[in-house]
Structures are given as structure tokens and as C-alpha cells.
Amino acid sequence: MTQEILKSGFVAIIGRPNVGKSTLLNCLIGEKVSITSPKPQTTRCQILGIKTLADAQIIYIDTPGMHREEKRAMNRYMNRVASSVILDADVIIFVIDATSWRGEDEMVLKKLHDAEKPVILVINKIDLLADKGELLPLIQKMKDKYHFTHIIPISAKDADNTHHLEEEIANLLPEGPQLYPEDQVTDKGVRFQIAEIIREKLIYATEEELPYTTTVEIEQYTEGEKLIEIGAVIWVERQGQKIIIIGKKGARLKKIGIQARREIEKLLGNKVFLRLWVKVKENWTDDDRALRSLGYE
């Protein structure tokens, strides 16, 4: 018999780009619910990761990395998404990189000064420290900057000390009922997850700025008895970008498709036939109307 849920709440994971927020979410949930890459600003939307424990349900909110430059509508959109959760969450996890403190970290910290709720500082990537003794002065420095409820060093990549983090989060949750079924791990539907898988493979397959001017839209999803047919459009801003993604004789697009199909089949537990097209929508990352049409609301 399942024990009654006594506590539940929303936990925002915030920080500058590339500190490991999505890796942390996936680690805490125990499966991949948010795509990851070494490139900043991979996460563009709020993504819920739902963890149901014996007597508590934790609803994590993964957010885009907060950044200073707001040159385009997409940048402004991502900052709005990330900032809004500070008001909505019951607990805040502020993630920083153990190897570096930057101006954007300071910017995020300033946003927390009006947050009247528990804030846990998570010092991630401790696996990259050659000398763990470097942690002590960093912890003291952060204590001087803000009155954190807890300061917890972790490695999300290696799942080091993340169980302790989860325990402290559960202790801080308010009393409340279970909000999602115990077997549900994310709020995102299958089409969103498929589009994100394709975008992740695209990010790894391309260099420099190209990932930031691309998005993926699922145009077809048809379930047959033995095969699921999926048609997806990769949108870019310029014809030159389309040529790069397609590659010589279509080789790069084929590689992206093969890698995406394999992961989509694991997600769906079924054979998949995946068609990819690359189309141009000029300047879509700096057009609010285009952003809304592509699901960025």
C-alpha cells in the first residue's frame, strides 16, 4: 500500500548558463527529462521533473540559464522564463560551478535578495577540482554573500552527494497533497520530448552559433501497429545555415536523423520512421510573433 503523500512543492533550479542545471535535474529524477549539451543556453523552456518519494512529491523546475546579453527576443524570453520561477517556487536551488564564479552568477544572486523562501546553494562540478581544499574558501565566500539555507557541494555528473541534496529539499517542502500521478516524471508531452531529442543531436552535430538559431517543430506524428511515423522540421534563419545542417550530400542531416531516431525509439518503446526537413524562417529568434508560433510562449 502506498504511503500517503504529506508534503509537496515546486523547486526551482536556477543559475547562469552551463553550470549543469539540466544534468542535475536528470540526476535527481533518475532518467533523462531535459536535454543537455556542453553549449550554453541548451535549455529554452521551463521543464518540470517530478520525483515521488514515499511521503513527499518534489516538482523540480529546470530553467534556461540567466544571462546578461538580451540582444534578441529569444534571449529576453529565456531570461523572463528563468526569472518568473523565483516568485512561484517553494524552494530555490541556486547552482554554481565549483571552478569559476562569474558576473552572471552575481546577477542571478541579486535576483534572490527579494526571495522570501529557502535558497539552497549547490556547488556543482566538484569532480573537476584537483584539490577539494579549494571548496572551503569558496563556501566561506558564498556565506558572506547571502544567507543560504544550506550550501551543498555536489557532482551532478557522478551523482555525488545528490541524495543528501534531495533529503534537504524534501525537508523544506510545505505540507500538501500529491499533485501528479506517482509514475509521471515530466509535464512535457511526447511531441515536445521528440523535438528536444532532435535539437540535442543537432547541437552536437553543429559548431559555434548555429545551435542558437535553430529550433525543431513536429509536423507529423502517426502511430501504426508496428511503426510510428514522425515528420519534423528544423527551422533556421538563413539559407547558409540550411546548407550546413544538411551537409555534403545530406550526410550531416542523415547522421542527426539516425542518432535522434535511436533515442526516440528508446523513449517510445517502438520502431520509428523519422523524416527531417530543414526550412528557413528569417530572423525567427528576434521576432516575438515567430517565437510564439513555434511554441515559445
Protein backbone atom coordinates (compact mmCIF):
# COMPACT_ATOMS: atom_id res chain seq x y z
CA MET A 1 0.00 0.00 0.00
CA THR A 2 1.40 3.41 -1.00
CA GLN A 3 2.10 5.76 1.90
CA GLU A 4 0.10 8.98 1.85
CA ILE A 5 1.94 12.00 0.47
CA LEU A 6 2.29 14.56 3.28
CA LYS A 7 4.46 17.20 1.57
CA SER A 8 4.71 18.55 -1.95
CA GLY A 9 6.03 21.63 -3.67
CA PHE A 10 7.86 23.28 -6.54
CA VAL A 11 11.64 23.55 -6.54
CA ALA A 12 13.25 25.98 -9.00
CA ILE A 13 16.70 25.15 -10.36
CA ILE A 14 18.31 28.44 -11.39
CA GLY A 15 21.74 29.71 -12.38
CA ARG A 16 23.77 31.11 -15.25
CA PRO A 17 24.22 29.08 -18.44
CA ASN A 18 26.32 25.91 -18.41
CA VAL A 19 26.53 25.24 -14.67
CA GLY A 20 24.80 21.85 -15.01
CA LYS A 21 21.17 22.57 -14.14
CA SER A 22 19.69 20.08 -16.62
CA THR A 23 22.26 17.42 -15.71
CA LEU A 24 21.27 17.91 -12.07
CA LEU A 25 17.57 17.58 -12.90
CA ASN A 26 18.14 14.33 -14.80
CA CYS A 27 20.26 13.00 -11.94
CA LEU A 28 17.63 13.81 -9.31
CA ILE A 29 14.79 12.30 -11.36
CA GLY A 30 16.82 9.23 -12.30
CA GLU A 31 16.15 9.49 -16.02
CA LYS A 32 16.57 11.94 -18.86
CA VAL A 33 13.80 14.52 -18.90
CA SER A 34 15.85 17.52 -20.06
CA ILE A 35 18.38 17.59 -22.91
CA THR A 36 21.97 18.51 -22.15
CA SER A 37 25.00 19.69 -24.10
CA PRO A 38 28.32 21.42 -23.39
CA LYS A 39 26.98 24.54 -25.13
CA PRO A 40 25.28 27.31 -23.09
CA GLN A 41 21.54 28.01 -23.40
CA THR A 42 20.62 24.47 -24.43
CA THR A 43 17.52 24.68 -22.20
CA ARG A 44 14.99 27.20 -23.53
CA CYS A 45 11.76 26.44 -21.63
CA GLN A 46 10.64 25.56 -18.14
CA ILE A 47 10.69 21.77 -17.83
CA LEU A 48 9.15 20.00 -14.85
CA GLY A 49 10.80 16.91 -13.43
CA ILE A 50 8.56 15.07 -10.96
CA LYS A 51 10.03 12.89 -8.20
CA THR A 52 7.60 10.98 -5.99
CA LEU A 53 9.10 9.74 -2.73
CA ALA A 54 7.50 7.63 0.00
CA ASP A 55 5.91 10.62 1.75
CA ALA A 56 6.67 13.62 -0.49
CA GLN A 57 6.42 14.75 -4.09
CA ILE A 58 9.11 17.13 -5.38
CA ILE A 59 8.33 19.04 -8.58
CA TYR A 60 11.62 20.36 -9.94
CA ILE A 61 11.57 23.23 -12.45
CA ASP A 62 14.52 23.27 -14.84
CA THR A 63 15.07 26.74 -16.31
CA PRO A 64 17.16 28.40 -19.02
CA GLY A 65 20.43 29.88 -17.86
CA MET A 66 20.12 33.55 -16.89
CA HIS A 67 22.45 35.72 -18.98
CA ARG A 68 23.25 39.41 -19.32
CA GLU A 69 23.05 39.89 -23.06
CA GLU A 70 19.50 40.28 -24.33
CA LYS A 71 20.29 41.05 -27.95
CA ARG A 72 17.40 39.05 -29.39
CA ALA A 73 13.79 38.24 -28.49
CA MET A 74 14.84 34.65 -27.69
CA ASN A 75 17.33 35.87 -25.07
CA ARG A 76 14.72 38.09 -23.46
CA TYR A 77 12.22 35.22 -23.50
CA MET A 78 14.64 32.83 -21.75
CA ASN A 79 15.50 35.37 -19.05
CA ARG A 80 11.79 36.00 -18.38
CA VAL A 81 11.14 32.26 -18.09
CA ALA A 82 14.03 31.80 -15.65
CA SER A 83 13.20 34.85 -13.50
CA SER A 84 9.49 34.01 -13.17
CA VAL A 85 10.10 30.80 -11.22
CA ILE A 86 11.73 32.68 -8.35
CA LEU A 87 8.27 34.02 -7.47
CA ASP A 88 6.44 30.72 -8.00
CA ALA A 89 8.70 28.16 -6.33
CA ASP A 90 8.53 26.92 -2.72
CA VAL A 91 12.28 26.22 -2.62
CA ILE A 92 15.08 27.58 -4.83
CA ILE A 93 18.25 25.76 -5.83
CA PHE A 94 20.94 28.19 -6.97
CA VAL A 95 23.52 26.22 -8.96
CA ILE A 96 27.08 27.48 -9.46
CA ASP A 97 30.21 25.95 -10.99
CA ALA A 98 32.86 24.99 -8.42
CA THR A 99 35.63 26.02 -10.83
CA SER A 100 34.53 29.59 -11.56
CA TRP A 101 32.43 32.50 -10.24
CA ARG A 102 31.37 34.98 -12.94
CA GLY A 103 29.48 38.24 -13.32
CA GLU A 104 26.37 36.37 -14.43
CA ASP A 105 26.44 34.36 -11.17
CA GLU A 106 26.41 37.69 -9.31
CA MET A 107 23.47 38.83 -11.45
CA VAL A 108 21.46 35.72 -10.52
CA LEU A 109 22.34 36.16 -6.86
CA LYS A 110 20.99 39.72 -6.88
CA LYS A 111 17.63 38.38 -8.09
CA LEU A 112 17.44 36.20 -4.98
CA HIS A 113 17.68 39.05 -2.46
CA ASP A 114 13.90 39.61 -2.52
CA ALA A 115 13.07 35.87 -2.44
CA GLU A 116 11.33 35.17 0.85
CA LYS A 117 11.80 31.40 0.65
CA PRO A 118 14.52 28.84 1.33
CA VAL A 119 17.50 29.02 -1.04
CA ILE A 120 19.95 26.12 -1.28
CA LEU A 121 23.30 26.88 -2.86
CA VAL A 122 24.50 23.92 -4.91
CA ILE A 123 28.20 23.99 -5.81
CA ASN A 124 28.32 21.68 -8.82
CA LYS A 125 31.20 20.08 -10.75
CA ILE A 126 33.32 19.31 -7.69
CA ASP A 127 34.67 16.38 -9.74
CA LEU A 128 36.66 18.97 -11.74
CA LEU A 129 38.54 20.25 -8.67
CA ALA A 130 42.05 18.80 -8.44
CA ASP A 131 42.20 19.94 -4.80
CA LYS A 132 38.98 19.59 -2.80
CA GLY A 133 40.51 22.01 -0.29
CA GLU A 134 39.53 24.78 -2.73
CA LEU A 135 35.91 24.25 -1.65
CA LEU A 136 36.37 25.68 1.86
CA PRO A 137 37.26 29.26 0.83
CA LEU A 138 34.52 29.17 -1.83
CA ILE A 139 31.93 28.10 0.76
CA GLN A 140 33.05 30.86 3.13
CA LYS A 141 32.93 33.41 0.29
CA MET A 142 29.35 32.38 -0.53
CA LYS A 143 28.29 32.52 3.14
CA ASP A 144 29.44 36.13 3.19
CA LYS A 145 27.39 36.95 0.09
CA TYR A 146 23.99 35.53 1.13
CA HIS A 147 22.23 33.73 3.96
CA PHE A 148 21.68 30.37 2.25
CA THR A 149 19.53 27.75 3.97
CA HIS A 150 22.12 25.12 3.00
CA ILE A 151 25.34 25.03 0.98
CA ILE A 152 25.83 21.62 -0.65
CA PRO A 153 28.79 20.67 -2.88
CA ILE A 154 27.90 18.01 -5.49
CA SER A 155 28.81 16.43 -8.80
CA ALA A 156 25.62 16.02 -10.80
CA LYS A 157 27.54 14.11 -13.48
CA ASP A 158 28.71 11.50 -10.96
CA ALA A 159 25.62 11.70 -8.68
CA ASP A 160 27.99 12.60 -5.83
CA ASN A 161 26.16 13.96 -2.74
CA THR A 162 22.90 14.43 -4.70
CA HIS A 163 21.00 12.10 -2.35
CA HIS A 164 21.85 14.43 0.55
CA LEU A 165 20.60 17.35 -1.55
CA GLU A 166 17.30 15.58 -2.19
CA GLU A 167 16.84 14.89 1.53
CA GLU A 168 17.33 18.55 2.42
CA ILE A 169 14.90 19.64 -0.32
CA ALA A 170 12.23 17.23 0.93
CA ASN A 171 12.64 18.58 4.48
CA LEU A 172 11.94 22.13 3.24
CA LEU A 173 8.76 21.33 1.28
CA PRO A 174 5.46 22.68 2.59
CA GLU A 175 2.67 20.35 3.62
CA GLY A 176 0.45 19.50 0.70
CA PRO A 177 -1.13 16.71 -1.36
CA GLN A 178 0.31 14.78 -4.27
CA LEU A 179 -0.11 16.88 -7.44
CA TYR A 180 0.89 14.38 -10.16
CA PRO A 181 0.50 10.60 -10.62
CA GLU A 182 3.39 8.75 -8.98
CA ASP A 183 4.58 7.28 -12.30
CA GLN A 184 4.70 10.67 -14.10
CA VAL A 185 8.22 12.14 -14.40
CA THR A 186 7.66 15.27 -16.53
CA ASP A 187 4.94 17.67 -17.65
CA LYS A 188 6.09 17.63 -21.27
CA GLY A 189 4.24 15.63 -23.92
CA VAL A 190 5.76 13.21 -26.39
CA ARG A 191 5.96 15.74 -29.25
CA PHE A 192 7.99 18.17 -27.12
CA GLN A 193 10.34 15.42 -25.97
CA ILE A 194 10.88 14.23 -29.55
CA ALA A 195 11.60 17.77 -30.77
CA GLU A 196 14.11 18.25 -27.95
CA ILE A 197 15.89 14.97 -28.74
CA ILE A 198 16.30 16.08 -32.36
CA ARG A 199 17.52 19.52 -31.23
CA GLU A 200 20.06 17.92 -28.89
CA LYS A 201 21.53 15.81 -31.71
CA LEU A 202 21.57 18.93 -33.89
CA ILE A 203 23.50 20.87 -31.22
CA TYR A 204 26.17 18.16 -31.01
CA ALA A 205 26.43 17.92 -34.80
CA THR A 206 26.98 21.64 -35.45
CA GLU A 207 29.53 24.18 -34.28
CA GLU A 208 29.67 27.74 -32.97
CA GLU A 209 26.49 29.85 -33.14
CA LEU A 210 24.36 27.60 -35.34
CA PRO A 211 22.52 25.81 -32.47
CA TYR A 212 21.18 29.16 -31.20
CA THR A 213 19.43 29.94 -34.48
CA THR A 214 17.71 26.57 -34.86
CA THR A 215 14.56 25.04 -33.43
CA VAL A 216 12.54 21.91 -34.17
CA GLU A 217 8.82 21.58 -34.86
CA ILE A 218 6.98 18.25 -35.07
CA GLU A 219 4.60 18.36 -38.04
CA GLN A 220 3.53 14.70 -38.16
CA TYR A 221 3.08 12.01 -35.52
CA THR A 222 1.23 8.91 -36.71
CA GLU A 223 1.02 5.70 -34.68
CA GLY A 224 0.68 2.47 -36.66
CA GLU A 225 0.51 -1.09 -35.35
CA LYS A 226 4.23 -1.74 -35.79
CA LEU A 227 5.68 1.66 -36.69
CA ILE A 228 5.40 5.28 -35.55
CA GLU A 229 5.92 7.81 -38.34
CA ILE A 230 7.31 11.20 -37.35
CA GLY A 231 7.90 14.23 -39.54
CA ALA A 232 9.93 17.12 -38.10
CA VAL A 233 11.08 20.49 -39.45
CA ILE A 234 14.37 22.03 -38.37
CA TRP A 235 13.94 25.81 -38.67
CA VAL A 236 16.94 28.04 -39.33
CA GLU A 237 17.34 31.76 -40.05
CA ARG A 238 19.40 31.75 -43.25
CA GLN A 239 19.91 29.64 -46.35
CA GLY A 240 23.59 29.19 -45.47
CA GLN A 241 22.63 27.57 -42.17
CA LYS A 242 20.33 25.16 -44.00
CA ILE A 243 23.23 24.07 -46.23
CA ILE A 244 25.46 23.48 -43.17
CA ILE A 245 22.87 21.31 -41.41
CA ILE A 246 22.14 19.21 -44.49
CA GLY A 247 25.87 18.71 -45.10
CA LYS A 248 27.65 17.25 -48.09
CA LYS A 249 25.21 15.01 -49.98
CA GLY A 250 22.89 15.16 -46.94
CA ALA A 251 25.42 13.38 -44.68
CA ARG A 252 25.07 15.61 -41.59
CA LEU A 253 21.27 15.60 -41.65
CA LYS A 254 21.28 11.82 -42.07
CA LYS A 255 23.58 11.45 -39.05
CA ILE A 256 21.34 13.70 -36.94
CA GLY A 257 18.31 11.65 -38.01
CA ILE A 258 19.90 8.29 -37.19
CA GLN A 259 21.04 9.40 -33.73
CA ALA A 260 17.68 11.02 -32.95
CA ARG A 261 15.68 8.01 -34.18
CA ARG A 262 17.60 5.63 -31.91
CA GLU A 263 16.86 7.71 -28.82
CA ILE A 264 13.22 8.33 -29.83
CA GLU A 265 12.73 4.56 -30.19
CA LYS A 266 14.01 4.11 -26.64
CA LEU A 267 11.62 6.81 -25.42
CA LEU A 268 8.58 5.36 -27.20
CA GLY A 269 9.47 1.66 -26.96
CA ASN A 270 8.59 1.21 -30.61
CA LYS A 271 10.07 1.27 -34.12
CA VAL A 272 10.16 4.78 -35.60
CA PHE A 273 10.37 6.13 -39.14
CA LEU A 274 11.72 9.68 -38.87
CA ARG A 275 11.69 12.26 -41.67
CA LEU A 276 13.59 15.52 -41.23
CA TRP A 277 13.32 18.68 -43.31
CA VAL A 278 15.33 21.91 -42.95
CA LYS A 279 13.46 25.14 -43.68
CA VAL A 280 14.27 28.86 -43.43
CA LYS A 281 12.29 31.32 -41.29
CA GLU A 282 14.29 34.53 -41.44
CA ASN A 283 15.28 36.17 -38.15
CA TRP A 284 12.90 33.98 -36.12
CA THR A 285 14.94 34.31 -32.89
CA ASP A 286 14.34 38.08 -32.85
CA ASP A 287 10.65 38.02 -33.81
CA ASP A 288 8.15 37.71 -30.95
CA ARG A 289 5.38 36.55 -33.27
CA ALA A 290 7.61 33.85 -34.79
CA LEU A 291 8.64 32.72 -31.31
CA ARG A 292 5.01 32.31 -30.28
CA SER A 293 4.19 30.41 -33.47
CA LEU A 294 7.00 27.98 -32.68
CA GLY A 295 5.76 27.37 -29.12
CA TYR A 296 7.89 29.83 -27.14
CA GLU A 297 5.17 31.46 -25.06
